[in-house]
All heavy atoms as atom14 arrays in JSON, in Angstrom:
{
  "sequence": "MKKILVLLIVFSFPAFAKAQCAMCRAVIE",
  "atom14_mask": [
    [1, 1, 1, 1, 1, 1, 1, 1, 0, 0, 0, 0, 0, 0],
    [1, 1, 1, 1, 1, 1, 1, 1, 1, 0, 0, 0, 0, 0],
    [1, 1, 1, 1, 1, 1, 1, 1, 1, 0, 0, 0, 0, 0],
    [1, 1, 1, 1, 1, 1, 1, 1, 0, 0, 0, 0, 0, 0],
    [1, 1, 1, 1, 1, 1, 1, 1, 0, 0, 0, 0, 0, 0],
    [1, 1, 1, 1, 1, 1, 1, 0, 0, 0, 0, 0, 0, 0],
    [1, 1, 1, 1, 1, 1, 1, 1, 0, 0, 0, 0, 0, 0],
    [1, 1, 1, 1, 1, 1, 1, 1, 0, 0, 0, 0, 0, 0],
    [1, 1, 1, 1, 1, 1, 1, 1, 0, 0, 0, 0, 0, 0],
    [1, 1, 1, 1, 1, 1, 1, 0, 0, 0, 0, 0, 0, 0],
    [1, 1, 1, 1, 1, 1, 1, 1, 1, 1, 1, 0, 0, 0],
    [1, 1, 1, 1, 1, 1, 0, 0, 0, 0, 0, 0, 0, 0],
    [1, 1, 1, 1, 1, 1, 1, 1, 1, 1, 1, 0, 0, 0],
    [1, 1, 1, 1, 1, 1, 1, 0, 0, 0, 0, 0, 0, 0],
    [1, 1, 1, 1, 1, 0, 0, 0, 0, 0, 0, 0, 0, 0],
    [1, 1, 1, 1, 1, 1, 1, 1, 1, 1, 1, 0, 0, 0],
    [1, 1, 1, 1, 1, 0, 0, 0, 0, 0, 0, 0, 0, 0],
    [1, 1, 1, 1, 1, 1, 1, 1, 1, 0, 0, 0, 0, 0],
    [1, 1, 1, 1, 1, 0, 0, 0, 0, 0, 0, 0, 0, 0],
    [1, 1, 1, 1, 1, 1, 1, 1, 1, 0, 0, 0, 0, 0],
    [1, 1, 1, 1, 1, 1, 0, 0, 0, 0, 0, 0, 0, 0],
    [1, 1, 1, 1, 1, 0, 0, 0, 0, 0, 0, 0, 0, 0],
    [1, 1, 1, 1, 1, 1, 1, 1, 0, 0, 0, 0, 0, 0],
    [1, 1, 1, 1, 1, 1, 0, 0, 0, 0, 0, 0, 0, 0],
    [1, 1, 1, 1, 1, 1, 1, 1, 1, 1, 1, 0, 0, 0],
    [1, 1, 1, 1, 1, 0, 0, 0, 0, 0, 0, 0, 0, 0],
    [1, 1, 1, 1, 1, 1, 1, 0, 0, 0, 0, 0, 0, 0],
    [1, 1, 1, 1, 1, 1, 1, 1, 0, 0, 0, 0, 0, 0],
    [1, 1, 1, 1, 1, 1, 1, 1, 1, 0, 0, 0, 0, 0]
  ],
  "atom14_positions": [
    [[0.81, -1.17, -0.01], [0.03, 0.06, 0.0], [0.85, 1.27, 0.02], [0.54, 2.24, -0.59], [-0.92, -0.02, 1.21], [-1.92, 1.03, 1.32], [-3.06, 0.94, -0.09], [-4.08, 2.34, 0.27], [0.0, 0.0, 0.0], [0.0, 0.0, 0.0], [0.0, 0.0, 0.0], [0.0, 0.0, 0.0], [0.0, 0.0, 0.0], [0.0, 0.0, 0.0]],
    [[2.01, 1.13, 0.75], [2.93, 2.32, 0.77], [3.53, 2.66, -0.67], [3.66, 3.82, -0.93], [4.02, 2.13, 1.76], [3.56, 2.11, 3.19], [4.67, 1.94, 4.12], [4.21, 1.94, 5.58], [5.39, 1.72, 6.51], [0.0, 0.0, 0.0], [0.0, 0.0, 0.0], [0.0, 0.0, 0.0], [0.0, 0.0, 0.0], [0.0, 0.0, 0.0]],
    [[3.76, 1.67, -1.33], [4.35, 1.87, -2.75], [3.24, 2.65, -3.58], [3.64, 3.53, -4.38], [4.66, 0.52, -3.35], [5.89, -0.14, -2.75], [6.2, -1.41, -3.45], [7.33, -2.15, -2.74], [7.65, -3.45, -3.41], [0.0, 0.0, 0.0], [0.0, 0.0, 0.0], [0.0, 0.0, 0.0], [0.0, 0.0, 0.0], [0.0, 0.0, 0.0]],
    [[2.05, 2.23, -3.54], [0.98, 2.86, -4.3], [0.87, 4.38, -3.92], [0.73, 5.22, -4.79], [-0.32, 2.13, -4.24], [-0.18, 0.76, -4.8], [-1.45, 2.91, -4.8], [-1.4, -0.13, -4.56], [0.0, 0.0, 0.0], [0.0, 0.0, 0.0], [0.0, 0.0, 0.0], [0.0, 0.0, 0.0], [0.0, 0.0, 0.0], [0.0, 0.0, 0.0]],
    [[0.95, 4.57, -2.56], [0.83, 5.96, -2.12], [1.97, 6.84, -2.59], [1.85, 8.0, -3.01], [0.72, 6.03, -0.58], [0.58, 7.31, 0.0], [-0.73, 7.95, -0.37], [0.63, 7.19, 1.63], [0.0, 0.0, 0.0], [0.0, 0.0, 0.0], [0.0, 0.0, 0.0], [0.0, 0.0, 0.0], [0.0, 0.0, 0.0], [0.0, 0.0, 0.0]],
    [[3.16, 6.25, -2.54], [4.44, 7.01, -3.03], [4.27, 7.24, -4.54], [4.54, 8.44, -4.94], [5.61, 6.23, -2.72], [6.84, 6.82, -3.38], [5.86, 6.17, -1.23], [0.0, 0.0, 0.0], [0.0, 0.0, 0.0], [0.0, 0.0, 0.0], [0.0, 0.0, 0.0], [0.0, 0.0, 0.0], [0.0, 0.0, 0.0], [0.0, 0.0, 0.0]],
    [[3.85, 6.26, -5.31], [3.77, 6.55, -6.73], [2.6, 7.66, -7.05], [2.79, 8.46, -7.88], [3.3, 5.2, -7.46], [4.46, 4.28, -7.61], [4.0, 2.94, -8.19], [5.51, 4.85, -8.46], [0.0, 0.0, 0.0], [0.0, 0.0, 0.0], [0.0, 0.0, 0.0], [0.0, 0.0, 0.0], [0.0, 0.0, 0.0], [0.0, 0.0, 0.0]],
    [[1.57, 7.5, -6.21], [0.52, 8.55, -6.45], [1.03, 9.91, -6.14], [0.69, 10.89, -6.85], [-0.66, 8.23, -5.55], [-1.91, 9.2, -5.67], [-2.45, 9.02, -7.06], [-2.88, 8.76, -4.66], [0.0, 0.0, 0.0], [0.0, 0.0, 0.0], [0.0, 0.0, 0.0], [0.0, 0.0, 0.0], [0.0, 0.0, 0.0], [0.0, 0.0, 0.0]],
    [[1.83, 10.09, -4.99], [2.33, 11.36, -4.72], [3.31, 11.86, -5.87], [3.28, 13.03, -6.22], [3.01, 11.28, -3.42], [1.92, 11.22, -2.26], [3.83, 12.56, -3.15], [2.52, 10.86, -0.94], [0.0, 0.0, 0.0], [0.0, 0.0, 0.0], [0.0, 0.0, 0.0], [0.0, 0.0, 0.0], [0.0, 0.0, 0.0], [0.0, 0.0, 0.0]],
    [[4.24, 10.95, -6.32], [5.17, 11.35, -7.36], [4.46, 11.82, -8.64], [4.85, 12.81, -9.22], [6.17, 10.14, -7.55], [7.0, 10.5, -8.84], [7.08, 9.97, -6.39], [0.0, 0.0, 0.0], [0.0, 0.0, 0.0], [0.0, 0.0, 0.0], [0.0, 0.0, 0.0], [0.0, 0.0, 0.0], [0.0, 0.0, 0.0], [0.0, 0.0, 0.0]],
    [[3.56, 11.09, -9.0], [2.86, 11.44, -10.26], [1.88, 12.68, -10.17], [1.45, 13.21, -11.11], [2.04, 10.26, -10.87], [2.95, 9.19, -11.48], [2.97, 7.91, -10.98], [3.79, 9.52, -12.56], [3.78, 6.99, -11.56], [4.64, 8.62, -13.07], [4.65, 7.33, -12.56], [0.0, 0.0, 0.0], [0.0, 0.0, 0.0], [0.0, 0.0, 0.0]],
    [[1.53, 12.96, -8.93], [0.56, 14.1, -8.76], [1.27, 15.47, -8.73], [0.57, 16.52, -8.94], [-0.23, 13.87, -7.6], [0.59, 13.98, -6.4], [0.0, 0.0, 0.0], [0.0, 0.0, 0.0], [0.0, 0.0, 0.0], [0.0, 0.0, 0.0], [0.0, 0.0, 0.0], [0.0, 0.0, 0.0], [0.0, 0.0, 0.0], [0.0, 0.0, 0.0]],
    [[2.57, 15.46, -8.47], [3.26, 16.82, -8.4], [3.66, 17.19, -9.96], [4.27, 16.5, -10.64], [4.52, 16.64, -7.64], [4.31, 16.67, -6.18], [4.5, 15.51, -5.43], [3.87, 17.82, -5.54], [4.26, 15.58, -4.09], [3.57, 17.85, -4.22], [3.84, 16.74, -3.46], [0.0, 0.0, 0.0], [0.0, 0.0, 0.0], [0.0, 0.0, 0.0]],
    [[3.26, 18.44, -10.24], [3.47, 18.87, -11.6], [5.05, 19.05, -12.02], [5.39, 19.08, -13.01], [2.75, 20.18, -11.71], [2.4, 20.57, -10.29], [2.46, 19.34, -9.47], [0.0, 0.0, 0.0], [0.0, 0.0, 0.0], [0.0, 0.0, 0.0], [0.0, 0.0, 0.0], [0.0, 0.0, 0.0], [0.0, 0.0, 0.0], [0.0, 0.0, 0.0]],
    [[5.81, 19.28, -10.87], [7.29, 19.39, -11.15], [7.83, 18.2, -11.88], [8.7, 18.31, -12.69], [8.0, 19.68, -9.88], [0.0, 0.0, 0.0], [0.0, 0.0, 0.0], [0.0, 0.0, 0.0], [0.0, 0.0, 0.0], [0.0, 0.0, 0.0], [0.0, 0.0, 0.0], [0.0, 0.0, 0.0], [0.0, 0.0, 0.0], [0.0, 0.0, 0.0]],
    [[7.39, 16.99, -11.59], [7.79, 15.78, -12.12], [7.22, 15.66, -13.54], [7.82, 15.01, -14.38], [7.44, 14.54, -11.34], [8.1, 14.53, -9.98], [7.26, 14.72, -8.83], [9.36, 14.44, -9.84], [7.91, 14.69, -7.6], [10.05, 14.35, -8.57], [9.31, 14.59, -7.49], [0.0, 0.0, 0.0], [0.0, 0.0, 0.0], [0.0, 0.0, 0.0]],
    [[6.12, 16.2, -13.8], [5.35, 16.02, -15.06], [5.91, 17.0, -16.06], [5.58, 17.01, -17.24], [3.86, 16.15, -14.9], [0.0, 0.0, 0.0], [0.0, 0.0, 0.0], [0.0, 0.0, 0.0], [0.0, 0.0, 0.0], [0.0, 0.0, 0.0], [0.0, 0.0, 0.0], [0.0, 0.0, 0.0], [0.0, 0.0, 0.0], [0.0, 0.0, 0.0]],
    [[6.59, 18.11, -15.67], [6.99, 19.14, -16.62], [8.02, 18.72, -17.59], [8.37, 19.4, -18.52], [7.59, 20.4, -15.84], [6.49, 21.11, -15.06], [5.53, 21.77, -15.96], [4.48, 22.54, -15.16], [3.43, 23.12, -16.07], [0.0, 0.0, 0.0], [0.0, 0.0, 0.0], [0.0, 0.0, 0.0], [0.0, 0.0, 0.0], [0.0, 0.0, 0.0]],
    [[8.66, 17.54, -17.53], [9.7, 17.07, -18.32], [9.04, 16.34, -19.62], [9.93, 15.79, -20.29], [10.63, 16.1, -17.58], [0.0, 0.0, 0.0], [0.0, 0.0, 0.0], [0.0, 0.0, 0.0], [0.0, 0.0, 0.0], [0.0, 0.0, 0.0], [0.0, 0.0, 0.0], [0.0, 0.0, 0.0], [0.0, 0.0, 0.0], [0.0, 0.0, 0.0]],
    [[7.86, 16.36, -19.76], [7.22, 15.73, -20.9], [7.6, 16.32, -22.26], [7.63, 17.54, -22.35], [5.73, 15.59, -20.67], [5.31, 15.0, -19.42], [5.89, 13.59, -19.25], [5.93, 12.76, -20.24], [6.38, 13.3, -18.09], [0.0, 0.0, 0.0], [0.0, 0.0, 0.0], [0.0, 0.0, 0.0], [0.0, 0.0, 0.0], [0.0, 0.0, 0.0]],
    [[7.74, 15.48, -23.21], [7.96, 15.92, -24.59], [9.12, 16.95, -24.74], [8.82, 18.16, -25.11], [6.72, 16.36, -25.16], [6.8, 16.49, -27.07], [0.0, 0.0, 0.0], [0.0, 0.0, 0.0], [0.0, 0.0, 0.0], [0.0, 0.0, 0.0], [0.0, 0.0, 0.0], [0.0, 0.0, 0.0], [0.0, 0.0, 0.0], [0.0, 0.0, 0.0]],
    [[10.31, 16.62, -24.39], [11.37, 17.6, -24.34], [11.59, 18.27, -25.71], [11.95, 19.51, -25.85], [12.59, 16.92, -23.84], [0.0, 0.0, 0.0], [0.0, 0.0, 0.0], [0.0, 0.0, 0.0], [0.0, 0.0, 0.0], [0.0, 0.0, 0.0], [0.0, 0.0, 0.0], [0.0, 0.0, 0.0], [0.0, 0.0, 0.0], [0.0, 0.0, 0.0]],
    [[11.54, 17.52, -26.81], [11.67, 18.11, -28.13], [10.69, 19.11, -28.48], [10.93, 20.2, -29.09], [11.87, 16.99, -29.11], [13.12, 16.15, -29.07], [13.32, 14.9, -30.31], [13.73, 15.97, -31.69], [0.0, 0.0, 0.0], [0.0, 0.0, 0.0], [0.0, 0.0, 0.0], [0.0, 0.0, 0.0], [0.0, 0.0, 0.0], [0.0, 0.0, 0.0]],
    [[9.35, 18.8, -28.31], [8.3, 19.74, -28.59], [8.49, 20.96, -27.78], [8.35, 22.13, -28.29], [6.94, 19.18, -28.25], [6.6, 17.67, -29.24], [0.0, 0.0, 0.0], [0.0, 0.0, 0.0], [0.0, 0.0, 0.0], [0.0, 0.0, 0.0], [0.0, 0.0, 0.0], [0.0, 0.0, 0.0], [0.0, 0.0, 0.0], [0.0, 0.0, 0.0]],
    [[8.81, 20.82, -26.5], [9.02, 22.05, -25.65], [10.18, 22.8, -26.11], [10.09, 24.11, -26.1], [9.28, 21.55, -24.2], [9.36, 22.63, -23.2], [9.49, 22.08, -21.89], [9.78, 23.1, -20.89], [9.99, 22.97, -19.6], [9.98, 21.76, -19.19], [10.19, 24.01, -18.85], [0.0, 0.0, 0.0], [0.0, 0.0, 0.0], [0.0, 0.0, 0.0]],
    [[11.26, 22.29, -26.48], [12.55, 23.0, -26.93], [12.15, 23.84, -28.18], [12.58, 24.9, -28.33], [13.65, 22.0, -27.22], [0.0, 0.0, 0.0], [0.0, 0.0, 0.0], [0.0, 0.0, 0.0], [0.0, 0.0, 0.0], [0.0, 0.0, 0.0], [0.0, 0.0, 0.0], [0.0, 0.0, 0.0], [0.0, 0.0, 0.0], [0.0, 0.0, 0.0]],
    [[11.44, 23.17, -29.12], [11.12, 23.88, -30.35], [10.23, 25.05, -30.09], [10.41, 26.15, -30.62], [10.35, 23.0, -31.34], [9.76, 23.74, -32.5], [11.35, 21.9, -31.9], [0.0, 0.0, 0.0], [0.0, 0.0, 0.0], [0.0, 0.0, 0.0], [0.0, 0.0, 0.0], [0.0, 0.0, 0.0], [0.0, 0.0, 0.0], [0.0, 0.0, 0.0]],
    [[9.19, 24.96, -29.22], [8.37, 26.06, -28.98], [9.0, 27.19, -28.17], [8.88, 28.33, -28.39], [7.04, 25.59, -28.3], [6.3, 24.8, -29.24], [6.25, 26.68, -27.74], [5.02, 24.29, -28.78], [0.0, 0.0, 0.0], [0.0, 0.0, 0.0], [0.0, 0.0, 0.0], [0.0, 0.0, 0.0], [0.0, 0.0, 0.0], [0.0, 0.0, 0.0]],
    [[9.83, 26.71, -27.18], [10.57, 27.71, -26.26], [11.56, 28.52, -27.15], [11.9, 29.64, -26.86], [11.18, 27.07, -25.08], [10.21, 26.79, -24.07], [10.87, 26.12, -22.82], [12.1, 25.73, -22.9], [10.19, 26.0, -21.77], [0.0, 0.0, 0.0], [0.0, 0.0, 0.0], [0.0, 0.0, 0.0], [0.0, 0.0, 0.0], [0.0, 0.0, 0.0]]
  ]
}
């Protein structure tokens, strides 16, 4: 149960999710 809770916390923070699609982000930035 603790593993599920840790995974839920990690995936719920937007700081971890901001690394998505690095190439698309680089082109637009």
